[in-house]
Amino acid sequence: MSDKTPVKVSLVTEPLGILGSLNAARRNVLSIIPEIATRQPMVSGRTGKRWHMVMDPGALREMLLERLDIYPKSLVTKNLLKPAIGDSLFIAEGAHWRWQRRTAAPVFSHRNVINLAPIMTAAAERSAERIAAAGDRAVDVAEDMVRTTFDVIAEVTFSGDGMFDSDAVHRGIDNYIAEAGKISLLDVLGAPDWVPRPGRLLFSRGAVSEMKTVADQAIEARRQRGPDGVPDLLDLLLEGEDPETKRQMNTAELRDNLLTFIVAGHETTALTLGWSLYLSAIDQEVQKRARAEVHRVCGDRPVTGDDVANLPFVRQIIDEALRLYPPAGMVSRTAMADDTLCGREIRKGDTVIVPIYALHRHHMLWEDPDAFRPDRFADRKSVERYAYLPFGDGPRICIGASFAIQEAVIILGTLLSRFQFTPVAGRDPDPVMILTLRPEGGVWLEAKPLGPFRPASAA
């Protein structure tokens, strides 16, 4: 195993206060997590308003499963995302969320997801070609993974529809996250939703408005044209209806949910792959095991959707990357009623935070929690369910989790079978979370192409 500890976030050891918390959160949201949160079941405090960080699996089960209606997504989360993705599945609550979830769930059935696997395989092959073309130069694999996963989500969402300007959508998403998605002092202080956030308003009228217009036009064009070939996500959503009410999504609802799938379907998977490649590069033994597994299953042919179930160690690398660097490293809820968690009083209006980054590195839940050990997931039943939440859990578990895992295994398996990756000295990525946990500075690796696979019996 590697003698190098993977990069990590420096957590807080002393109280920061309101302005200190604001400044820290603007640089890196995870830097406001107290270090003691990796050792205690629950930590509470006040920064403008009362807050609680919960790391106890039993309490998390209560929040995410048993008392979901008491703990909806916080106003901060809704303020950050609503200008870009509207009242879609990710933000909606109550009956409005339930009917959308019932309508969209069949879209991500195993049959539909496996039907989209050839698009993932093709994108993985193109990524391998780009990396090979770099020759002896180091490659920022994090940047290439963003390109690769966006290619996938654009194709599976709109089937390469000529009416869909994927560059405009990508530009709108990136601009919004970079410029308008940062936490403001008004959010930290718990200001009401109706108080304007000028930066967010500016960008919701600019790149985001363009992005929504592009998506609306593509949806209306598809309504007129109808499906062509293997149904993509837009075809499936256009056909979908709530089995209870028979309600179908209108254009605005389709657009907001498609934009949600695009954001979640490429950004989070790209991050997982970037971190997986970084971790594999600092542990050559892990990389060799994964490569041998892919060669044993696939030989020289491309990795396909049918291979995913037969590549458990590649999946374990992805699971461990999601543990160490969860894309949504922190989520927050607003208590809608008085409650008790871990024997501690929760008051209506309190902010209740799930610091997934701290949960996944908790010393009471994980042995040597900061180490990279994919074998933790060799027996998934041994992992306590609410100690590991890369996709959330309960009724609001990520609807596209199986899609993301299939895509990640296909792409990671392809790249590890084609190249030997090694780190570039002095260019370690810096884990920074604004909206998602990104490797700031990129993941710069040297990629040595490997010759064709030859089974030992053929040597």
Protein backbone atom coordinates (compact mmCIF):
# COMPACT_ATOMS: atom_id res chain seq x y z
CA MET A 1 0.00 0.00 0.00
CA SER A 2 1.01 3.64 -0.40
CA ASP A 3 3.20 5.33 2.19
CA LYS A 4 1.69 8.67 1.16
CA THR A 5 -1.33 10.07 3.01
CA PRO A 6 -3.89 11.55 0.61
CA VAL A 7 -4.43 15.31 0.77
CA LYS A 8 -7.08 16.51 3.18
CA VAL A 9 -8.79 19.65 4.47
CA SER A 10 -7.45 21.36 7.60
CA LEU A 11 -10.38 21.49 10.01
CA VAL A 12 -11.03 24.14 12.65
CA THR A 13 -9.54 23.84 16.14
CA GLU A 14 -10.80 27.20 17.55
CA PRO A 15 -14.11 29.13 17.19
CA LEU A 16 -14.14 31.44 14.14
CA GLY A 17 -17.03 33.83 14.86
CA ILE A 18 -19.41 35.20 12.23
CA LEU A 19 -16.93 37.09 10.05
CA GLY A 20 -14.28 34.41 10.42
CA SER A 21 -16.78 31.75 9.40
CA LEU A 22 -17.88 33.82 6.42
CA ASN A 23 -14.32 34.36 5.19
CA ALA A 24 -13.45 30.69 5.70
CA ALA A 25 -16.62 29.51 3.94
CA ARG A 26 -15.94 31.74 0.94
CA ARG A 27 -12.55 30.04 0.52
CA ASN A 28 -13.61 26.51 1.45
CA VAL A 29 -16.91 25.55 3.08
CA LEU A 30 -15.36 22.46 4.67
CA SER A 31 -12.81 24.57 6.54
CA ILE A 32 -15.53 25.67 8.99
CA ILE A 33 -15.98 22.09 10.25
CA PRO A 34 -14.52 21.70 13.78
CA GLU A 35 -11.88 18.99 13.97
CA ILE A 36 -13.77 17.56 16.96
CA ALA A 37 -16.58 16.67 14.54
CA THR A 38 -14.45 13.71 13.42
CA ARG A 39 -14.46 12.38 17.01
CA GLN A 40 -17.86 13.28 18.51
CA PRO A 41 -21.41 12.19 17.55
CA MET A 42 -22.71 15.77 17.50
CA VAL A 43 -21.32 19.31 17.78
CA SER A 44 -23.43 22.43 18.38
CA GLY A 45 -22.79 26.16 18.33
CA ARG A 46 -24.06 29.57 17.28
CA THR A 47 -22.85 31.67 14.34
CA GLY A 48 -25.57 34.27 13.93
CA LYS A 49 -28.07 31.46 14.58
CA ARG A 50 -28.02 28.08 16.32
CA TRP A 51 -26.49 25.20 14.39
CA HIS A 52 -25.77 21.53 15.00
CA MET A 53 -23.46 19.16 13.14
CA VAL A 54 -24.62 15.53 13.28
CA MET A 55 -22.24 12.58 12.72
CA ASP A 56 -24.08 9.85 14.64
CA PRO A 57 -25.46 7.21 12.21
CA GLY A 58 -28.55 6.59 14.36
CA ALA A 59 -29.42 10.30 14.45
CA LEU A 60 -28.77 10.59 10.72
CA ARG A 61 -31.20 7.76 10.11
CA GLU A 62 -33.82 9.66 12.08
CA MET A 63 -33.20 12.83 10.05
CA LEU A 64 -33.01 11.29 6.58
CA LEU A 65 -35.55 8.49 6.91
CA GLU A 66 -37.83 8.59 9.93
CA ARG A 67 -38.41 12.35 10.32
CA LEU A 68 -37.68 13.61 6.82
CA ASP A 69 -40.46 16.23 6.87
CA ILE A 70 -38.98 17.87 9.96
CA TYR A 71 -35.62 18.34 8.24
CA PRO A 72 -36.11 19.74 4.71
CA LYS A 73 -33.22 21.26 2.79
CA SER A 74 -32.09 24.52 4.36
CA LEU A 75 -32.85 27.98 3.03
CA VAL A 76 -29.13 28.41 2.33
CA THR A 77 -29.19 25.40 -0.04
CA LYS A 78 -32.35 26.60 -1.76
CA ASN A 79 -31.01 30.16 -2.07
CA LEU A 80 -27.84 28.85 -3.71
CA LEU A 81 -29.47 26.55 -6.26
CA LYS A 82 -32.99 27.73 -7.04
CA PRO A 83 -31.98 30.45 -9.57
CA ALA A 84 -30.27 27.74 -11.66
CA ILE A 85 -32.47 24.64 -11.27
CA GLY A 86 -35.82 26.02 -10.11
CA ASP A 87 -38.18 23.94 -7.98
CA SER A 88 -36.85 20.64 -9.35
CA LEU A 89 -36.41 17.30 -7.61
CA PHE A 90 -33.28 18.44 -5.80
CA ILE A 91 -34.99 21.39 -4.11
CA ALA A 92 -38.72 20.61 -4.03
CA GLU A 93 -40.37 19.47 -0.82
CA GLY A 94 -43.53 17.64 0.21
CA ALA A 95 -46.18 16.73 -2.38
CA HIS A 96 -44.42 18.66 -5.15
CA TRP A 97 -41.26 16.59 -4.62
CA ARG A 98 -43.15 13.31 -4.31
CA TRP A 99 -44.98 13.52 -7.63
CA GLN A 100 -41.80 14.53 -9.47
CA ARG A 101 -39.90 11.66 -7.88
CA ARG A 102 -42.59 9.13 -8.84
CA THR A 103 -42.51 10.45 -12.41
CA ALA A 104 -38.72 10.44 -12.79
CA ALA A 105 -37.84 7.22 -10.92
CA PRO A 106 -38.61 4.86 -13.88
CA VAL A 107 -36.24 6.90 -16.06
CA PHE A 108 -33.32 5.54 -14.01
CA SER A 109 -34.39 1.89 -14.05
CA HIS A 110 -31.61 -0.67 -14.55
CA ARG A 111 -32.79 -1.36 -18.10
CA ASN A 112 -32.69 2.30 -19.12
CA VAL A 113 -29.31 2.88 -17.46
CA ILE A 114 -27.69 -0.17 -19.10
CA ASN A 115 -29.09 0.93 -22.49
CA LEU A 116 -27.06 4.14 -22.13
CA ALA A 117 -23.79 2.34 -21.33
CA PRO A 118 -22.44 2.41 -24.93
CA ILE A 119 -22.37 6.22 -24.73
CA MET A 120 -20.23 5.95 -21.58
CA THR A 121 -17.88 3.44 -23.23
CA ALA A 122 -17.44 5.71 -26.26
CA ALA A 123 -16.68 8.72 -24.05
CA ALA A 124 -14.12 6.67 -22.08
CA GLU A 125 -12.40 5.67 -25.33
CA ARG A 126 -12.21 9.32 -26.44
CA SER A 127 -10.73 10.28 -23.08
CA ALA A 128 -8.04 7.59 -23.46
CA GLU A 129 -7.22 8.94 -26.93
CA ARG A 130 -6.82 12.50 -25.60
CA ILE A 131 -4.58 11.38 -22.75
CA ALA A 132 -2.44 9.30 -25.11
CA ALA A 133 -2.12 12.29 -27.47
CA ALA A 134 -0.51 14.32 -24.66
CA GLY A 135 2.60 12.15 -25.00
CA ASP A 136 5.22 12.87 -22.33
CA ARG A 137 3.39 15.94 -21.00
CA ALA A 138 1.54 15.77 -17.69
CA VAL A 139 -2.24 15.77 -17.96
CA ASP A 140 -4.82 17.48 -15.76
CA VAL A 141 -7.08 14.44 -15.54
CA ALA A 142 -9.63 16.37 -13.46
CA GLU A 143 -10.23 18.72 -16.38
CA ASP A 144 -10.46 15.81 -18.82
CA MET A 145 -12.98 14.04 -16.59
CA VAL A 146 -15.22 17.14 -16.64
CA ARG A 147 -15.10 17.06 -20.43
CA THR A 148 -15.70 13.31 -20.54
CA THR A 149 -18.68 13.23 -18.20
CA PHE A 150 -20.25 16.31 -19.80
CA ASP A 151 -20.02 14.56 -23.17
CA VAL A 152 -21.88 11.63 -21.61
CA ILE A 153 -24.62 13.65 -19.95
CA ALA A 154 -25.21 15.84 -23.03
CA GLU A 155 -25.54 12.74 -25.19
CA VAL A 156 -27.79 10.76 -22.83
CA THR A 157 -29.94 13.82 -22.13
CA PHE A 158 -30.45 15.17 -25.63
CA SER A 159 -28.93 12.44 -27.89
CA GLY A 160 -26.61 14.92 -29.54
CA ASP A 161 -29.72 16.87 -30.65
CA GLY A 162 -28.67 19.68 -32.98
CA MET A 163 -31.10 21.98 -31.16
CA PHE A 164 -29.16 21.61 -27.90
CA ASP A 165 -26.18 23.95 -27.47
CA SER A 166 -24.22 21.98 -24.86
CA ASP A 167 -21.49 24.65 -24.68
CA ALA A 168 -24.04 27.30 -23.66
CA VAL A 169 -25.43 25.03 -20.94
CA HIS A 170 -21.94 24.12 -19.70
CA ARG A 171 -20.94 27.79 -19.66
CA GLY A 172 -24.08 28.77 -17.77
CA ILE A 173 -23.55 26.11 -15.11
CA ASP A 174 -19.88 26.95 -14.57
CA ASN A 175 -20.47 30.70 -14.42
CA TYR A 176 -23.30 30.33 -11.95
CA ILE A 177 -21.37 28.04 -9.62
CA ALA A 178 -18.18 30.13 -9.80
CA GLU A 179 -19.70 33.58 -9.39
CA ALA A 180 -23.15 33.35 -7.83
CA GLY A 181 -23.09 30.15 -5.82
CA LYS A 182 -20.87 31.45 -3.05
CA ILE A 183 -22.27 31.77 0.45
CA SER A 184 -23.11 35.37 1.33
CA LEU A 185 -23.16 37.00 4.73
CA LEU A 186 -26.96 37.14 4.43
CA ASP A 187 -27.04 33.32 4.20
CA VAL A 188 -24.75 32.87 7.21
CA LEU A 189 -26.94 35.23 9.26
CA GLY A 190 -30.07 33.37 8.18
CA ALA A 191 -31.67 36.32 6.37
CA PRO A 192 -35.11 35.57 4.87
CA ASP A 193 -35.41 34.24 1.33
CA TRP A 194 -37.01 37.50 0.10
CA VAL A 195 -33.91 39.59 0.91
CA PRO A 196 -32.10 40.04 -2.47
CA ARG A 197 -28.67 38.47 -3.03
CA PRO A 198 -27.33 40.87 -5.71
CA GLY A 199 -24.61 38.58 -7.12
CA ARG A 200 -27.01 35.70 -7.57
CA LEU A 201 -29.65 37.92 -9.17
CA LEU A 202 -27.09 39.27 -11.64
CA PHE A 203 -26.07 35.83 -12.84
CA SER A 204 -29.59 34.41 -12.88
CA ARG A 205 -30.35 37.08 -15.49
CA GLY A 206 -27.22 36.37 -17.52
CA ALA A 207 -25.65 33.00 -18.28
CA VAL A 208 -28.35 31.07 -16.43
CA SER A 209 -31.11 32.77 -18.40
CA GLU A 210 -29.32 31.81 -21.63
CA MET A 211 -28.94 28.23 -20.39
CA LYS A 212 -32.66 27.92 -19.63
CA THR A 213 -33.65 29.37 -23.00
CA VAL A 214 -31.44 26.86 -24.81
CA ALA A 215 -32.95 23.96 -22.85
CA ASP A 216 -36.53 25.16 -23.42
CA GLN A 217 -35.96 25.36 -27.17
CA ALA A 218 -34.49 21.84 -27.26
CA ILE A 219 -37.41 20.43 -25.27
CA GLU A 220 -40.02 22.01 -27.55
CA ALA A 221 -38.15 20.78 -30.64
CA ARG A 222 -38.15 17.25 -29.24
CA ARG A 223 -41.88 17.41 -28.52
CA GLN A 224 -42.40 18.10 -32.20
CA ARG A 225 -39.87 15.58 -33.49
CA GLY A 226 -40.45 12.68 -31.11
CA PRO A 227 -37.92 9.97 -30.11
CA ASP A 228 -35.36 8.58 -32.53
CA GLY A 229 -33.54 5.33 -31.68
CA VAL A 230 -32.73 4.38 -28.07
CA PRO A 231 -34.78 6.70 -25.81
CA ASP A 232 -32.66 9.29 -24.00
CA LEU A 233 -33.50 10.97 -20.69
CA LEU A 234 -35.55 13.67 -22.39
CA ASP A 235 -37.63 11.10 -24.30
CA LEU A 236 -38.23 9.15 -21.11
CA LEU A 237 -39.24 12.23 -19.12
CA LEU A 238 -41.54 13.46 -21.90
CA GLU A 239 -43.31 10.11 -21.80
CA GLY A 240 -43.28 9.84 -18.02
CA GLU A 241 -46.25 10.45 -15.76
CA ASP A 242 -46.97 10.22 -12.08
CA PRO A 243 -48.55 6.75 -11.64
CA GLU A 244 -50.84 8.11 -8.90
CA THR A 245 -52.10 11.38 -10.41
CA LYS A 246 -51.24 10.81 -14.14
CA ARG A 247 -49.67 14.28 -14.09
CA GLN A 248 -46.88 14.96 -16.61
CA MET A 249 -44.12 17.55 -16.44
CA ASN A 250 -44.60 20.80 -18.34
CA THR A 251 -41.70 22.42 -20.22
CA ALA A 252 -40.42 24.42 -17.23
CA GLU A 253 -40.52 21.34 -14.96
CA LEU A 254 -38.79 19.22 -17.60
CA ARG A 255 -36.13 21.89 -18.10
CA ASP A 256 -35.39 22.36 -14.41
CA ASN A 257 -35.10 18.61 -13.82
CA LEU A 258 -32.96 18.08 -16.92
CA LEU A 259 -30.63 20.88 -15.80
CA THR A 260 -30.49 19.23 -12.37
CA PHE A 261 -29.53 15.91 -13.97
CA ILE A 262 -26.92 17.67 -16.14
CA VAL A 263 -25.33 19.46 -13.17
CA ALA A 264 -25.42 16.39 -10.92
CA GLY A 265 -24.74 13.94 -13.72
CA HIS A 266 -21.43 15.35 -14.86
CA GLU A 267 -19.97 17.50 -12.10
CA THR A 268 -20.17 14.94 -9.30
CA THR A 269 -19.07 11.98 -11.44
CA ALA A 270 -16.19 14.00 -12.90
CA LEU A 271 -15.01 14.87 -9.40
CA THR A 272 -15.25 11.26 -8.27
CA LEU A 273 -13.16 10.14 -11.25
CA GLY A 274 -10.58 12.88 -10.77
CA TRP A 275 -10.09 11.94 -7.13
CA SER A 276 -10.09 8.20 -8.00
CA LEU A 277 -7.26 8.73 -10.48
CA TYR A 278 -5.31 10.82 -7.96
CA LEU A 279 -5.67 8.11 -5.30
CA SER A 280 -4.73 5.36 -7.76
CA ALA A 281 -1.65 7.33 -8.80
CA ILE A 282 -0.33 7.59 -5.24
CA ASP A 283 -0.81 3.84 -4.66
CA GLN A 284 0.71 1.78 -7.45
CA GLU A 285 -0.31 -1.53 -5.88
CA VAL A 286 -3.97 -0.52 -5.96
CA GLN A 287 -3.54 0.60 -9.56
CA LYS A 288 -1.95 -2.74 -10.54
CA ARG A 289 -4.77 -4.72 -8.91
CA ALA A 290 -7.40 -2.72 -10.74
CA ARG A 291 -5.57 -3.06 -14.05
CA ALA A 292 -5.26 -6.82 -13.63
CA GLU A 293 -8.97 -7.07 -12.85
CA VAL A 294 -9.96 -5.15 -15.99
CA HIS A 295 -7.60 -7.21 -18.14
CA ARG A 296 -8.94 -10.44 -16.69
CA VAL A 297 -12.54 -9.47 -17.43
CA CYS A 298 -12.16 -7.51 -20.67
CA GLY A 299 -8.82 -8.42 -22.22
CA ASP A 300 -8.11 -5.79 -24.90
CA ARG A 301 -11.73 -4.89 -25.66
CA PRO A 302 -13.44 -1.78 -24.31
CA VAL A 303 -15.15 -1.84 -20.91
CA THR A 304 -18.93 -2.08 -21.30
CA GLY A 305 -21.98 -1.82 -19.08
CA ASP A 306 -22.17 -5.60 -18.85
CA ASP A 307 -18.68 -5.64 -17.28
CA VAL A 308 -19.47 -3.33 -14.38
CA ALA A 309 -20.74 -6.06 -12.03
CA ASN A 310 -17.56 -8.05 -12.73
CA LEU A 311 -15.18 -5.24 -11.75
CA PRO A 312 -15.65 -5.10 -7.96
CA PHE A 313 -12.18 -3.74 -7.15
CA VAL A 314 -12.55 -0.84 -9.60
CA ARG A 315 -15.85 -0.12 -7.86
CA GLN A 316 -14.09 -0.26 -4.47
CA ILE A 317 -11.64 2.46 -5.58
CA ILE A 318 -14.60 4.63 -6.53
CA ASP A 319 -16.35 3.91 -3.23
CA GLU A 320 -13.23 4.87 -1.28
CA ALA A 321 -12.77 8.04 -3.34
CA LEU A 322 -16.38 8.96 -2.52
CA ARG A 323 -15.60 8.36 1.16
CA LEU A 324 -12.48 10.53 1.23
CA TYR A 325 -13.76 13.24 -1.14
CA PRO A 326 -17.58 13.20 -1.22
CA PRO A 327 -18.70 15.67 -3.93
CA ALA A 328 -21.38 17.05 -1.58
CA GLY A 329 -19.07 17.29 1.41
CA MET A 330 -21.61 19.13 3.56
CA VAL A 331 -25.40 19.41 3.41
CA SER A 332 -27.69 21.41 5.65
CA ARG A 333 -31.27 21.19 6.82
CA THR A 334 -33.60 23.59 8.64
CA ALA A 335 -35.53 22.12 11.58
CA MET A 336 -39.24 22.72 11.04
CA ALA A 337 -40.25 21.61 14.56
CA ASP A 338 -38.70 21.12 17.99
CA ASP A 339 -36.93 17.78 18.22
CA THR A 340 -34.20 15.84 19.99
CA LEU A 341 -31.10 14.29 18.40
CA CYS A 342 -28.41 12.46 20.34
CA GLY A 343 -30.19 13.58 23.51
CA ARG A 344 -29.71 17.23 22.53
CA GLU A 345 -32.45 19.82 22.07
CA ILE A 346 -33.19 20.93 18.51
CA ARG A 347 -35.35 24.05 18.24
CA LYS A 348 -37.58 24.97 15.34
CA GLY A 349 -35.52 27.12 12.94
CA ASP A 350 -32.14 25.67 13.93
CA THR A 351 -29.73 24.78 11.13
CA VAL A 352 -28.87 21.07 11.27
CA ILE A 353 -25.77 20.21 9.23
CA VAL A 354 -24.60 16.83 7.97
CA PRO A 355 -20.84 17.31 7.45
CA ILE A 356 -20.41 14.27 5.20
CA TYR A 357 -16.68 14.99 4.89
CA ALA A 358 -16.29 14.64 8.68
CA LEU A 359 -18.69 11.67 8.86
CA HIS A 360 -16.60 9.78 6.29
CA ARG A 361 -13.40 10.46 8.29
CA HIS A 362 -14.86 9.85 11.74
CA HIS A 363 -12.50 8.06 14.13
CA MET A 364 -15.34 6.15 15.82
CA LEU A 365 -16.66 4.83 12.50
CA TRP A 366 -13.57 4.17 10.35
CA GLU A 367 -10.19 2.60 11.08
CA ASP A 368 -7.32 4.94 10.07
CA PRO A 369 -9.93 7.23 8.49
CA ASP A 370 -7.59 9.47 6.48
CA ALA A 371 -5.90 6.53 4.71
CA PHE A 372 -6.77 5.29 1.21
CA ARG A 373 -7.93 1.69 1.61
CA PRO A 374 -10.30 0.40 -1.09
CA ASP A 375 -10.56 -2.95 0.70
CA ARG A 376 -12.83 -1.28 3.28
CA PHE A 377 -15.56 -1.90 0.70
CA ALA A 378 -14.71 -5.51 -0.14
CA ASP A 379 -17.68 -6.47 2.05
CA ARG A 380 -20.19 -3.67 1.65
CA LYS A 381 -22.49 -5.22 4.26
CA SER A 382 -19.83 -4.48 6.89
CA VAL A 383 -20.11 -0.72 6.24
CA GLU A 384 -22.64 0.90 8.56
CA ARG A 385 -25.32 2.34 6.28
CA TYR A 386 -25.63 5.81 7.75
CA ALA A 387 -21.88 6.16 8.25
CA TYR A 388 -21.41 6.40 4.48
CA LEU A 389 -23.59 8.87 2.58
CA PRO A 390 -22.03 9.82 -0.78
CA PHE A 391 -25.49 9.77 -2.39
CA GLY A 392 -27.51 10.64 0.71
CA ASP A 393 -30.07 8.12 1.93
CA GLY A 394 -33.71 7.61 2.73
CA PRO A 395 -36.48 8.62 0.29
CA ARG A 396 -34.28 11.43 -1.09
CA ILE A 397 -31.29 9.24 -1.96
CA CYS A 398 -29.77 10.38 -5.27
CA ILE A 399 -32.03 9.19 -8.08
CA GLY A 400 -29.08 8.81 -10.46
CA ALA A 401 -26.72 6.85 -8.18
CA SER A 402 -26.70 3.70 -10.33
CA PHE A 403 -26.13 5.80 -13.46
CA ALA A 404 -23.16 7.54 -11.83
CA ILE A 405 -21.56 4.32 -10.56
CA GLN A 406 -21.91 2.59 -13.93
CA GLU A 407 -20.35 5.56 -15.70
CA ALA A 408 -17.50 5.87 -13.18
CA VAL A 409 -16.59 2.16 -13.34
CA ILE A 410 -16.57 2.16 -17.16
CA ILE A 411 -14.37 5.26 -17.41
CA LEU A 412 -11.99 4.45 -14.53
CA GLY A 413 -11.61 0.85 -15.66
CA THR A 414 -10.82 1.99 -19.20
CA LEU A 415 -8.15 4.48 -18.13
CA LEU A 416 -6.42 2.28 -15.54
CA SER A 417 -6.18 -0.53 -18.11
CA ARG A 418 -4.53 1.75 -20.71
CA PHE A 419 -2.09 3.85 -18.65
CA GLN A 420 0.17 3.79 -15.64
CA PHE A 421 -0.55 7.01 -13.76
CA THR A 422 2.02 8.66 -11.48
CA PRO A 423 1.77 11.96 -9.58
CA VAL A 424 3.61 15.10 -10.64
CA ALA A 425 5.95 16.20 -7.84
CA GLY A 426 4.82 19.35 -6.05
CA ARG A 427 1.41 19.48 -7.73
CA ASP A 428 -0.89 17.82 -5.24
CA PRO A 429 -4.54 18.85 -5.62
CA ASP A 430 -6.10 20.97 -2.87
CA PRO A 431 -9.56 19.76 -1.75
CA VAL A 432 -11.78 22.87 -1.77
CA MET A 433 -15.56 22.96 -1.53
CA ILE A 434 -17.71 25.90 -2.59
CA LEU A 435 -20.71 24.02 -3.95
CA THR A 436 -18.91 20.71 -4.59
CA LEU A 437 -15.60 19.29 -3.36
CA ARG A 438 -13.19 20.07 -6.18
CA PRO A 439 -9.43 19.41 -6.57
CA GLU A 440 -8.25 23.02 -6.77
CA GLY A 441 -5.23 23.33 -9.03
CA GLY A 442 -6.26 20.22 -10.94
CA VAL A 443 -5.12 16.61 -10.73
CA TRP A 444 -1.85 16.60 -12.67
CA LEU A 445 -0.60 13.12 -13.50
CA GLU A 446 1.90 11.57 -15.85
CA ALA A 447 0.26 8.87 -17.96
CA LYS A 448 2.51 6.16 -19.40
CA PRO A 449 0.71 4.25 -22.18
CA LEU A 450 0.74 0.48 -21.71
CA GLY A 451 1.09 -2.06 -24.48
CA PRO A 452 -1.69 -4.43 -25.52
CA PHE A 453 -2.74 -6.89 -22.84
CA ARG A 454 -1.37 -10.38 -23.26
CA PRO A 455 -2.66 -13.17 -20.98
CA ALA A 456 0.07 -15.11 -19.19
CA SER A 457 -0.84 -18.24 -21.17
CA ALA A 458 -0.05 -16.37 -24.39
CA ALA A 459 3.36 -15.15 -23.27
